[in-house]
Amino acid sequence: MNTIRKNIVIALTAFGLAGAAIGVQAQTQAPAEGRHGHALSVEQRQAKMAESKAKRQAARAERQAKLRDALKLTPAQQPSWDAFVASMTPAQKMDRAARPDRAQLASLSAPQRLQMRIERQKQRTARMEARLSALNSFYAVLTPEQRKVFDEQAKQHRGGRQHRGHGGHGMMHG
C-alpha cells in the first residue's frame, strides 16, 4: 500500500513540475513572438507599428469625410471645420530622446517621478482643452440640424467601441 501511495505522490510531483516548466517556457517565449509563433525583429515590429498607424489615419480620415459630408458644411463653416479637425489630430508620442530612460527614472525619488507624471498629465489636459475650444468654436457655427447630426455621429463613434484609456482622445480618433 505504501508503494502505491509513493508512486502516486511521485507521479503528481512529476506532473506538477512538467506543468510549471511548460508555463515558464510559455512566458519566456510569448513576448518575443509574433502572432504565428515567429520571433519578430525590431524592423518587423516597427513595420507593423507603421502599418497600424497608417490604418488608424486612414480610418480617421474616412470618418472625418463621412461626418463632413453628413453635415453639408457651407463655405463659411469650412475654416471652423478645418480648425476642429486639426485639433483632433493625435499628438505625436513623446520623442524617445526627450523621454527619460529607465536608469534616469530609477535615479529619481518617488516625489520626482510623480511630479513628472503630473507634468505629462498637464500637457494632456492642455491638449484636451485646446480640442474643446476648437470643438466649441466649430459647434457654434453649426445650425441646429447640423448639431443634431454631429451629436448623433459622435455618439455612434464613441458607442461603437470601448474606451481604451489612452488619454481621452477625441471623437475623431481611431
N, C-alpha and C. Protein backbone atom coordinates (compact mmCIF):
# COMPACT_ATOMS: atom_id res chain seq x y z
N MET A 1 0.83 -1.19 0.00
CA MET A 1 0.00 0.00 0.00
C MET A 1 0.87 1.25 0.00
N ASN A 2 1.94 1.24 0.77
CA ASN A 2 2.84 2.39 0.80
C ASN A 2 3.47 2.63 -0.56
N THR A 3 3.76 1.58 -1.27
CA THR A 3 4.37 1.72 -2.58
C THR A 3 3.42 2.43 -3.54
N ILE A 4 2.15 2.12 -3.48
CA ILE A 4 1.17 2.77 -4.36
C ILE A 4 1.09 4.26 -4.03
N ARG A 5 1.05 4.59 -2.73
CA ARG A 5 0.99 5.99 -2.32
C ARG A 5 2.23 6.74 -2.80
N LYS A 6 3.39 6.13 -2.65
CA LYS A 6 4.63 6.78 -3.08
C LYS A 6 4.61 7.01 -4.59
N ASN A 7 4.15 6.02 -5.33
CA ASN A 7 4.07 6.16 -6.79
C ASN A 7 3.11 7.27 -7.19
N ILE A 8 2.00 7.37 -6.49
CA ILE A 8 1.03 8.43 -6.79
C ILE A 8 1.65 9.80 -6.49
N VAL A 9 2.31 9.92 -5.34
CA VAL A 9 2.95 11.19 -4.97
C VAL A 9 4.03 11.54 -5.98
N ILE A 10 4.83 10.56 -6.39
CA ILE A 10 5.88 10.80 -7.38
C ILE A 10 5.27 11.23 -8.72
N ALA A 11 4.21 10.57 -9.15
CA ALA A 11 3.56 10.91 -10.42
C ALA A 11 2.98 12.32 -10.36
N LEU A 12 2.30 12.66 -9.27
CA LEU A 12 1.72 14.00 -9.14
C LEU A 12 2.81 15.08 -9.11
N THR A 13 3.91 14.78 -8.44
CA THR A 13 5.02 15.72 -8.41
C THR A 13 5.60 15.91 -9.80
N ALA A 14 5.76 14.83 -10.53
CA ALA A 14 6.30 14.92 -11.89
C ALA A 14 5.37 15.74 -12.79
N PHE A 15 4.05 15.51 -12.68
CA PHE A 15 3.10 16.29 -13.47
C PHE A 15 3.16 17.78 -13.09
N GLY A 16 3.27 18.04 -11.81
CA GLY A 16 3.35 19.43 -11.34
C GLY A 16 4.58 20.13 -11.88
N LEU A 17 5.73 19.45 -11.83
CA LEU A 17 6.96 20.03 -12.35
C LEU A 17 6.88 20.24 -13.87
N ALA A 18 6.30 19.29 -14.56
CA ALA A 18 6.16 19.41 -16.01
C ALA A 18 5.26 20.60 -16.36
N GLY A 19 4.16 20.74 -15.63
CA GLY A 19 3.25 21.86 -15.86
C GLY A 19 3.93 23.20 -15.60
N ALA A 20 4.71 23.27 -14.53
CA ALA A 20 5.42 24.50 -14.22
C ALA A 20 6.45 24.82 -15.30
N ALA A 21 7.14 23.81 -15.78
CA ALA A 21 8.15 24.02 -16.82
C ALA A 21 7.50 24.52 -18.11
N ILE A 22 6.35 23.97 -18.45
CA ILE A 22 5.64 24.42 -19.65
C ILE A 22 5.19 25.87 -19.48
N GLY A 23 4.70 26.21 -18.29
CA GLY A 23 4.26 27.59 -18.02
C GLY A 23 5.41 28.57 -18.13
N VAL A 24 6.55 28.22 -17.57
CA VAL A 24 7.71 29.11 -17.65
C VAL A 24 8.16 29.27 -19.09
N GLN A 25 8.18 28.18 -19.84
CA GLN A 25 8.59 28.24 -21.23
C GLN A 25 7.64 29.13 -22.03
N ALA A 26 6.34 29.03 -21.78
CA ALA A 26 5.37 29.85 -22.50
C ALA A 26 5.55 31.32 -22.17
N GLN A 27 5.85 31.63 -20.91
CA GLN A 27 6.04 33.03 -20.51
C GLN A 27 7.30 33.62 -21.14
N THR A 28 8.35 32.85 -21.23
CA THR A 28 9.59 33.39 -21.79
C THR A 28 9.52 33.54 -23.29
N GLN A 29 8.70 32.75 -23.98
CA GLN A 29 8.61 32.84 -25.43
C GLN A 29 7.59 33.84 -25.90
N ALA A 30 6.52 34.09 -25.14
CA ALA A 30 5.40 34.92 -25.59
C ALA A 30 5.81 36.33 -26.02
N PRO A 31 6.60 37.07 -25.24
CA PRO A 31 6.87 38.45 -25.67
C PRO A 31 7.69 38.57 -26.95
N ALA A 32 8.50 37.59 -27.25
CA ALA A 32 9.40 37.70 -28.40
C ALA A 32 8.78 37.18 -29.68
N GLU A 33 7.58 36.63 -29.60
CA GLU A 33 7.00 36.01 -30.79
C GLU A 33 5.84 36.82 -31.33
N GLY A 34 5.64 36.68 -32.59
CA GLY A 34 4.52 37.34 -33.25
C GLY A 34 3.28 36.48 -33.18
N ARG A 35 2.30 36.83 -34.00
CA ARG A 35 1.01 36.16 -33.98
C ARG A 35 1.11 34.68 -34.34
N HIS A 36 2.04 34.32 -35.21
CA HIS A 36 2.12 32.94 -35.68
C HIS A 36 3.29 32.18 -35.07
N GLY A 37 3.80 32.65 -33.94
CA GLY A 37 4.85 31.93 -33.26
C GLY A 37 6.25 32.22 -33.76
N HIS A 38 6.39 33.16 -34.67
CA HIS A 38 7.71 33.50 -35.20
C HIS A 38 8.23 34.73 -34.47
N ALA A 39 9.50 34.71 -34.14
CA ALA A 39 10.10 35.87 -33.48
C ALA A 39 10.12 37.05 -34.45
N LEU A 40 9.80 38.24 -33.92
CA LEU A 40 9.79 39.44 -34.74
C LEU A 40 11.06 40.22 -34.51
N SER A 41 11.65 40.69 -35.59
CA SER A 41 12.82 41.53 -35.46
C SER A 41 12.36 42.95 -35.13
N VAL A 42 13.30 43.79 -34.75
CA VAL A 42 12.98 45.19 -34.45
C VAL A 42 12.36 45.84 -35.68
N GLU A 43 12.93 45.57 -36.86
CA GLU A 43 12.41 46.15 -38.09
C GLU A 43 10.99 45.69 -38.37
N GLN A 44 10.72 44.41 -38.14
CA GLN A 44 9.38 43.88 -38.37
C GLN A 44 8.38 44.52 -37.41
N ARG A 45 8.78 44.68 -36.16
CA ARG A 45 7.92 45.31 -35.17
C ARG A 45 7.62 46.75 -35.57
N GLN A 46 8.65 47.47 -36.02
CA GLN A 46 8.46 48.86 -36.46
C GLN A 46 7.56 48.92 -37.69
N ALA A 47 7.72 47.98 -38.60
CA ALA A 47 6.88 47.95 -39.79
C ALA A 47 5.42 47.69 -39.42
N LYS A 48 5.20 46.79 -38.48
CA LYS A 48 3.83 46.51 -38.02
C LYS A 48 3.22 47.74 -37.38
N MET A 49 4.02 48.44 -36.57
CA MET A 49 3.52 49.65 -35.91
C MET A 49 3.20 50.72 -36.95
N ALA A 50 4.04 50.88 -37.95
CA ALA A 50 3.80 51.87 -39.01
C ALA A 50 2.54 51.51 -39.80
N GLU A 51 2.35 50.23 -40.06
CA GLU A 51 1.16 49.79 -40.79
C GLU A 51 -0.10 50.07 -39.97
N SER A 52 -0.04 49.80 -38.67
CA SER A 52 -1.18 50.08 -37.80
C SER A 52 -1.49 51.56 -37.75
N LYS A 53 -0.46 52.37 -37.67
CA LYS A 53 -0.64 53.83 -37.64
C LYS A 53 -1.30 54.30 -38.93
N ALA A 54 -0.84 53.78 -40.06
CA ALA A 54 -1.41 54.17 -41.35
C ALA A 54 -2.89 53.77 -41.43
N LYS A 55 -3.23 52.60 -40.92
CA LYS A 55 -4.62 52.15 -40.92
C LYS A 55 -5.48 53.05 -40.05
N ARG A 56 -4.96 53.44 -38.88
CA ARG A 56 -5.72 54.34 -37.99
C ARG A 56 -5.94 55.69 -38.66
N GLN A 57 -4.89 56.21 -39.32
CA GLN A 57 -5.02 57.50 -40.00
C GLN A 57 -6.04 57.43 -41.13
N ALA A 58 -6.02 56.34 -41.88
CA ALA A 58 -6.98 56.18 -42.98
C ALA A 58 -8.41 56.08 -42.43
N ALA A 59 -8.59 55.33 -41.36
CA ALA A 59 -9.92 55.20 -40.76
C ALA A 59 -10.40 56.55 -40.21
N ARG A 60 -9.50 57.30 -39.60
CA ARG A 60 -9.85 58.63 -39.07
C ARG A 60 -10.26 59.55 -40.21
N ALA A 61 -9.49 59.55 -41.30
CA ALA A 61 -9.81 60.40 -42.45
C ALA A 61 -11.16 60.00 -43.05
N GLU A 62 -11.43 58.73 -43.10
CA GLU A 62 -12.71 58.26 -43.64
C GLU A 62 -13.88 58.73 -42.77
N ARG A 63 -13.72 58.61 -41.44
CA ARG A 63 -14.78 59.08 -40.52
C ARG A 63 -14.99 60.59 -40.65
N GLN A 64 -13.89 61.32 -40.77
CA GLN A 64 -14.00 62.78 -40.90
C GLN A 64 -14.71 63.15 -42.20
N ALA A 65 -14.39 62.48 -43.28
CA ALA A 65 -15.04 62.76 -44.57
C ALA A 65 -16.53 62.43 -44.50
N LYS A 66 -16.84 61.32 -43.86
CA LYS A 66 -18.24 60.92 -43.71
C LYS A 66 -19.01 61.96 -42.90
N LEU A 67 -18.41 62.43 -41.81
CA LEU A 67 -19.06 63.44 -40.98
C LEU A 67 -19.21 64.75 -41.74
N ARG A 68 -18.15 65.17 -42.43
CA ARG A 68 -18.20 66.42 -43.20
C ARG A 68 -19.32 66.35 -44.24
N ASP A 69 -19.42 65.22 -44.93
CA ASP A 69 -20.46 65.06 -45.93
C ASP A 69 -21.85 65.07 -45.30
N ALA A 70 -22.00 64.42 -44.16
CA ALA A 70 -23.30 64.37 -43.48
C ALA A 70 -23.71 65.74 -42.97
N LEU A 71 -22.74 66.58 -42.60
CA LEU A 71 -23.06 67.90 -42.08
C LEU A 71 -23.42 68.90 -43.18
N LYS A 72 -22.98 68.62 -44.41
CA LYS A 72 -23.25 69.53 -45.54
C LYS A 72 -22.81 70.95 -45.17
N LEU A 73 -21.53 71.07 -44.90
CA LEU A 73 -20.97 72.35 -44.46
C LEU A 73 -21.02 73.40 -45.55
N THR A 74 -21.20 74.63 -45.13
CA THR A 74 -21.16 75.76 -46.05
C THR A 74 -19.71 76.25 -46.15
N PRO A 75 -19.39 77.02 -47.18
CA PRO A 75 -18.02 77.57 -47.26
C PRO A 75 -17.65 78.41 -46.03
N ALA A 76 -18.61 79.09 -45.44
CA ALA A 76 -18.34 79.91 -44.26
C ALA A 76 -17.99 79.05 -43.04
N GLN A 77 -18.49 77.81 -43.01
CA GLN A 77 -18.22 76.91 -41.88
C GLN A 77 -16.90 76.16 -42.04
N GLN A 78 -16.35 76.15 -43.24
CA GLN A 78 -15.15 75.35 -43.52
C GLN A 78 -13.94 75.70 -42.64
N PRO A 79 -13.63 76.99 -42.40
CA PRO A 79 -12.48 77.29 -41.54
C PRO A 79 -12.62 76.71 -40.12
N SER A 80 -13.83 76.77 -39.57
CA SER A 80 -14.05 76.19 -38.24
C SER A 80 -13.90 74.68 -38.28
N TRP A 81 -14.36 74.06 -39.37
CA TRP A 81 -14.21 72.61 -39.53
C TRP A 81 -12.73 72.25 -39.59
N ASP A 82 -11.98 72.99 -40.38
CA ASP A 82 -10.54 72.72 -40.53
C ASP A 82 -9.82 72.83 -39.18
N ALA A 83 -10.16 73.86 -38.41
CA ALA A 83 -9.54 74.03 -37.09
C ALA A 83 -9.93 72.89 -36.16
N PHE A 84 -11.19 72.48 -36.24
CA PHE A 84 -11.66 71.36 -35.41
C PHE A 84 -10.91 70.08 -35.77
N VAL A 85 -10.82 69.77 -37.05
CA VAL A 85 -10.13 68.55 -37.49
C VAL A 85 -8.65 68.60 -37.09
N ALA A 86 -8.02 69.75 -37.25
CA ALA A 86 -6.61 69.88 -36.88
C ALA A 86 -6.42 69.65 -35.38
N SER A 87 -7.38 70.12 -34.58
CA SER A 87 -7.25 69.93 -33.12
C SER A 87 -7.42 68.48 -32.72
N MET A 88 -8.10 67.70 -33.53
CA MET A 88 -8.37 66.30 -33.20
C MET A 88 -7.26 65.37 -33.67
N THR A 89 -6.28 65.89 -34.37
CA THR A 89 -5.16 65.07 -34.81
C THR A 89 -4.39 64.61 -33.58
N PRO A 90 -4.10 63.32 -33.47
CA PRO A 90 -3.41 62.83 -32.28
C PRO A 90 -2.06 63.51 -32.08
N ALA A 91 -1.75 63.77 -30.83
CA ALA A 91 -0.44 64.33 -30.50
C ALA A 91 0.61 63.27 -30.79
N GLN A 92 1.74 63.72 -31.26
CA GLN A 92 2.83 62.79 -31.52
C GLN A 92 3.33 62.24 -30.19
N LYS A 93 3.71 61.00 -30.20
CA LYS A 93 4.28 60.39 -29.00
C LYS A 93 5.54 61.16 -28.62
N MET A 94 5.79 61.20 -27.33
CA MET A 94 6.98 61.89 -26.86
C MET A 94 8.20 61.26 -27.51
N ASP A 95 9.06 62.08 -28.05
CA ASP A 95 10.28 61.61 -28.70
C ASP A 95 11.10 60.78 -27.71
N ARG A 96 11.59 59.65 -28.15
CA ARG A 96 12.36 58.78 -27.25
C ARG A 96 13.56 59.50 -26.65
N ALA A 97 14.15 60.42 -27.40
CA ALA A 97 15.30 61.15 -26.88
C ALA A 97 14.88 62.07 -25.73
N ALA A 98 13.67 62.60 -25.80
CA ALA A 98 13.19 63.50 -24.75
C ALA A 98 12.67 62.72 -23.54
N ARG A 99 12.34 61.48 -23.73
CA ARG A 99 11.80 60.65 -22.66
C ARG A 99 12.95 60.11 -21.81
N PRO A 100 12.83 60.23 -20.49
CA PRO A 100 13.91 59.69 -19.65
C PRO A 100 13.97 58.16 -19.75
N ASP A 101 15.17 57.62 -19.74
CA ASP A 101 15.29 56.17 -19.81
C ASP A 101 15.08 55.58 -18.42
N ARG A 102 15.03 54.27 -18.36
CA ARG A 102 14.76 53.57 -17.09
C ARG A 102 15.79 53.92 -16.02
N ALA A 103 17.04 54.05 -16.43
CA ALA A 103 18.08 54.37 -15.45
C ALA A 103 17.84 55.75 -14.85
N GLN A 104 17.47 56.72 -15.70
CA GLN A 104 17.18 58.06 -15.20
C GLN A 104 15.98 58.04 -14.26
N LEU A 105 14.94 57.32 -14.65
CA LEU A 105 13.76 57.23 -13.80
C LEU A 105 14.09 56.56 -12.47
N ALA A 106 14.91 55.53 -12.53
CA ALA A 106 15.27 54.82 -11.30
C ALA A 106 16.07 55.72 -10.36
N SER A 107 16.79 56.68 -10.92
CA SER A 107 17.61 57.56 -10.08
C SER A 107 16.78 58.66 -9.42
N LEU A 108 15.55 58.85 -9.90
CA LEU A 108 14.68 59.88 -9.32
C LEU A 108 13.99 59.36 -8.06
N SER A 109 13.67 60.29 -7.19
CA SER A 109 12.93 59.92 -6.00
C SER A 109 11.46 59.72 -6.38
N ALA A 110 10.70 59.10 -5.50
CA ALA A 110 9.27 58.88 -5.76
C ALA A 110 8.54 60.20 -6.00
N PRO A 111 8.79 61.26 -5.20
CA PRO A 111 8.11 62.53 -5.49
C PRO A 111 8.50 63.12 -6.85
N GLN A 112 9.75 62.95 -7.27
CA GLN A 112 10.18 63.46 -8.57
C GLN A 112 9.50 62.71 -9.71
N ARG A 113 9.38 61.40 -9.57
CA ARG A 113 8.70 60.61 -10.61
C ARG A 113 7.24 61.01 -10.71
N LEU A 114 6.60 61.20 -9.55
CA LEU A 114 5.20 61.61 -9.56
C LEU A 114 5.05 62.99 -10.17
N GLN A 115 5.99 63.88 -9.88
CA GLN A 115 5.94 65.23 -10.47
C GLN A 115 6.04 65.15 -11.99
N MET A 116 6.88 64.25 -12.51
CA MET A 116 6.99 64.06 -13.96
C MET A 116 5.66 63.59 -14.54
N ARG A 117 5.01 62.67 -13.85
CA ARG A 117 3.72 62.16 -14.32
C ARG A 117 2.68 63.27 -14.32
N ILE A 118 2.71 64.11 -13.29
CA ILE A 118 1.77 65.23 -13.22
C ILE A 118 2.01 66.19 -14.37
N GLU A 119 3.26 66.47 -14.70
CA GLU A 119 3.58 67.37 -15.81
C GLU A 119 3.06 66.80 -17.14
N ARG A 120 3.25 65.50 -17.34
CA ARG A 120 2.74 64.88 -18.57
C ARG A 120 1.21 64.96 -18.62
N GLN A 121 0.57 64.77 -17.46
CA GLN A 121 -0.89 64.86 -17.41
C GLN A 121 -1.36 66.28 -17.71
N LYS A 122 -0.62 67.27 -17.22
CA LYS A 122 -0.95 68.66 -17.52
C LYS A 122 -0.86 68.93 -19.02
N GLN A 123 0.13 68.34 -19.68
CA GLN A 123 0.26 68.50 -21.13
C GLN A 123 -0.94 67.87 -21.85
N ARG A 124 -1.35 66.68 -21.39
CA ARG A 124 -2.53 66.03 -21.99
C ARG A 124 -3.77 66.88 -21.78
N THR A 125 -3.92 67.42 -20.56
CA THR A 125 -5.08 68.26 -20.26
C THR A 125 -5.09 69.50 -21.14
N ALA A 126 -3.94 70.11 -21.36
CA ALA A 126 -3.85 71.29 -22.22
C ALA A 126 -4.27 70.94 -23.65
N ARG A 127 -3.85 69.77 -24.14
CA ARG A 127 -4.27 69.34 -25.49
C ARG A 127 -5.78 69.14 -25.55
N MET A 128 -6.35 68.54 -24.50
CA MET A 128 -7.79 68.32 -24.47
C MET A 128 -8.55 69.64 -24.40
N GLU A 129 -8.03 70.61 -23.65
CA GLU A 129 -8.67 71.91 -23.57
C GLU A 129 -8.62 72.63 -24.91
N ALA A 130 -7.52 72.47 -25.65
CA ALA A 130 -7.43 73.05 -26.99
C ALA A 130 -8.45 72.39 -27.91
N ARG A 131 -8.62 71.09 -27.78
CA ARG A 131 -9.62 70.38 -28.58
C ARG A 131 -11.02 70.86 -28.23
N LEU A 132 -11.28 71.05 -26.95
CA LEU A 132 -12.59 71.53 -26.54
C LEU A 132 -12.85 72.93 -27.10
N SER A 133 -11.87 73.77 -27.08
CA SER A 133 -12.02 75.13 -27.62
C SER A 133 -12.36 75.06 -29.11
N ALA A 134 -11.63 74.24 -29.85
CA ALA A 134 -11.91 74.10 -31.28
C ALA A 134 -13.29 73.49 -31.52
N LEU A 135 -13.67 72.53 -30.70
CA LEU A 135 -15.00 71.92 -30.82
C LEU A 135 -16.08 72.96 -30.55
N ASN A 136 -15.91 73.75 -29.49
CA ASN A 136 -16.90 74.78 -29.17
C ASN A 136 -17.02 75.80 -30.29
N SER A 137 -15.89 76.20 -30.86
CA SER A 137 -15.90 77.16 -31.97
C SER A 137 -16.63 76.58 -33.19
N PHE A 138 -16.35 75.34 -33.49
CA PHE A 138 -17.00 74.68 -34.62
C PHE A 138 -18.49 74.49 -34.36
N TYR A 139 -18.80 74.02 -33.19
CA TYR A 139 -20.19 73.74 -32.81
C TYR A 139 -21.03 75.02 -32.89
N ALA A 140 -20.42 76.15 -32.54
CA ALA A 140 -21.14 77.43 -32.54
C ALA A 140 -21.57 77.85 -33.94
N VAL A 141 -20.85 77.44 -34.97
CA VAL A 141 -21.21 77.84 -36.34
C VAL A 141 -22.17 76.86 -37.00
N LEU A 142 -22.49 75.76 -36.34
CA LEU A 142 -23.41 74.77 -36.91
C LEU A 142 -24.86 75.21 -36.70
N THR A 143 -25.70 74.81 -37.64
CA THR A 143 -27.14 75.04 -37.50
C THR A 143 -27.67 73.99 -36.52
N PRO A 144 -28.87 74.19 -35.99
CA PRO A 144 -29.44 73.17 -35.09
C PRO A 144 -29.53 71.78 -35.74
N GLU A 145 -29.83 71.74 -37.03
CA GLU A 145 -29.91 70.43 -37.72
C GLU A 145 -28.52 69.79 -37.80
N GLN A 146 -27.52 70.61 -38.11
CA GLN A 146 -26.15 70.10 -38.18
C GLN A 146 -25.68 69.63 -36.81
N ARG A 147 -26.04 70.34 -35.78
CA ARG A 147 -25.66 69.93 -34.42
C ARG A 147 -26.25 68.56 -34.09
N LYS A 148 -27.48 68.37 -34.50
CA LYS A 148 -28.13 67.08 -34.25
C LYS A 148 -27.37 65.95 -34.96
N VAL A 149 -27.01 66.19 -36.22
CA VAL A 149 -26.24 65.19 -36.99
C VAL A 149 -24.88 64.95 -36.32
N PHE A 150 -24.22 66.04 -35.96
CA PHE A 150 -22.90 65.93 -35.33
C PHE A 150 -22.98 65.12 -34.04
N ASP A 151 -23.94 65.46 -33.18
CA ASP A 151 -24.09 64.76 -31.90
C ASP A 151 -24.39 63.28 -32.10
N GLU A 152 -25.24 62.99 -33.07
CA GLU A 152 -25.59 61.59 -33.33
C GLU A 152 -24.38 60.80 -33.83
N GLN A 153 -23.63 61.39 -34.75
CA GLN A 153 -22.44 60.69 -35.27
C GLN A 153 -21.40 60.51 -34.17
N ALA A 154 -21.24 61.53 -33.32
CA ALA A 154 -20.27 61.43 -32.23
C ALA A 154 -20.67 60.31 -31.27
N LYS A 155 -21.95 60.19 -31.00
CA LYS A 155 -22.43 59.11 -30.10
C LYS A 155 -22.18 57.75 -30.73
N GLN A 156 -22.46 57.64 -32.02
CA GLN A 156 -22.26 56.36 -32.70
C GLN A 156 -20.80 55.95 -32.69
N HIS A 157 -19.92 56.91 -32.92
CA HIS A 157 -18.48 56.58 -32.95
C HIS A 157 -18.01 56.14 -31.58
N ARG A 158 -18.34 56.87 -30.54
CA ARG A 158 -17.87 56.52 -29.19
C ARG A 158 -18.58 55.29 -28.67
N GLY A 159 -19.83 55.10 -29.07
CA GLY A 159 -20.57 53.94 -28.58
C GLY A 159 -20.16 52.65 -29.25
N GLY A 160 -19.50 52.74 -30.40
CA GLY A 160 -19.15 51.55 -31.16
C GLY A 160 -17.87 50.89 -30.69
N ARG A 161 -17.23 51.46 -29.70
CA ARG A 161 -16.00 50.85 -29.19
C ARG A 161 -15.86 51.16 -27.72
N GLN A 162 -15.08 50.37 -27.06
CA GLN A 162 -14.86 50.60 -25.64
C GLN A 162 -13.73 51.60 -25.46
N HIS A 163 -13.86 52.41 -24.44
CA HIS A 163 -12.79 53.37 -24.13
C HIS A 163 -11.57 52.58 -23.68
N ARG A 164 -10.43 52.86 -24.31
CA ARG A 164 -9.23 52.09 -24.00
C ARG A 164 -8.31 52.80 -23.03
N GLY A 165 -8.70 53.97 -22.56
CA GLY A 165 -7.91 54.64 -21.55
C GLY A 165 -6.60 55.20 -22.07
N HIS A 166 -6.57 55.76 -23.27
CA HIS A 166 -5.33 56.31 -23.81
C HIS A 166 -5.35 57.83 -23.79
N GLY A 167 -5.62 58.36 -22.65
CA GLY A 167 -5.53 59.81 -22.53
C GLY A 167 -6.72 60.57 -23.07
N GLY A 168 -7.87 59.91 -23.26
CA GLY A 168 -9.08 60.59 -23.64
C GLY A 168 -9.02 61.27 -25.00
N HIS A 169 -8.56 60.57 -26.02
CA HIS A 169 -8.51 61.15 -27.36
C HIS A 169 -9.91 61.52 -27.79
N GLY A 170 -9.99 62.45 -28.67
CA GLY A 170 -11.27 62.97 -29.11
C GLY A 170 -12.07 62.03 -29.95
N MET A 171 -13.21 62.54 -30.40
CA MET A 171 -14.19 61.71 -31.11
C MET A 171 -13.68 61.22 -32.45
N MET A 172 -12.75 61.89 -33.04
CA MET A 172 -12.37 61.56 -34.40
C MET A 172 -11.17 60.62 -34.48
N HIS A 173 -10.80 60.02 -33.37
CA HIS A 173 -9.64 59.13 -33.38
C HIS A 173 -10.06 57.70 -33.64
N GLY A 174 -9.12 56.93 -34.14
CA GLY A 174 -9.40 55.55 -34.47
C GLY A 174 -8.61 54.62 -33.74
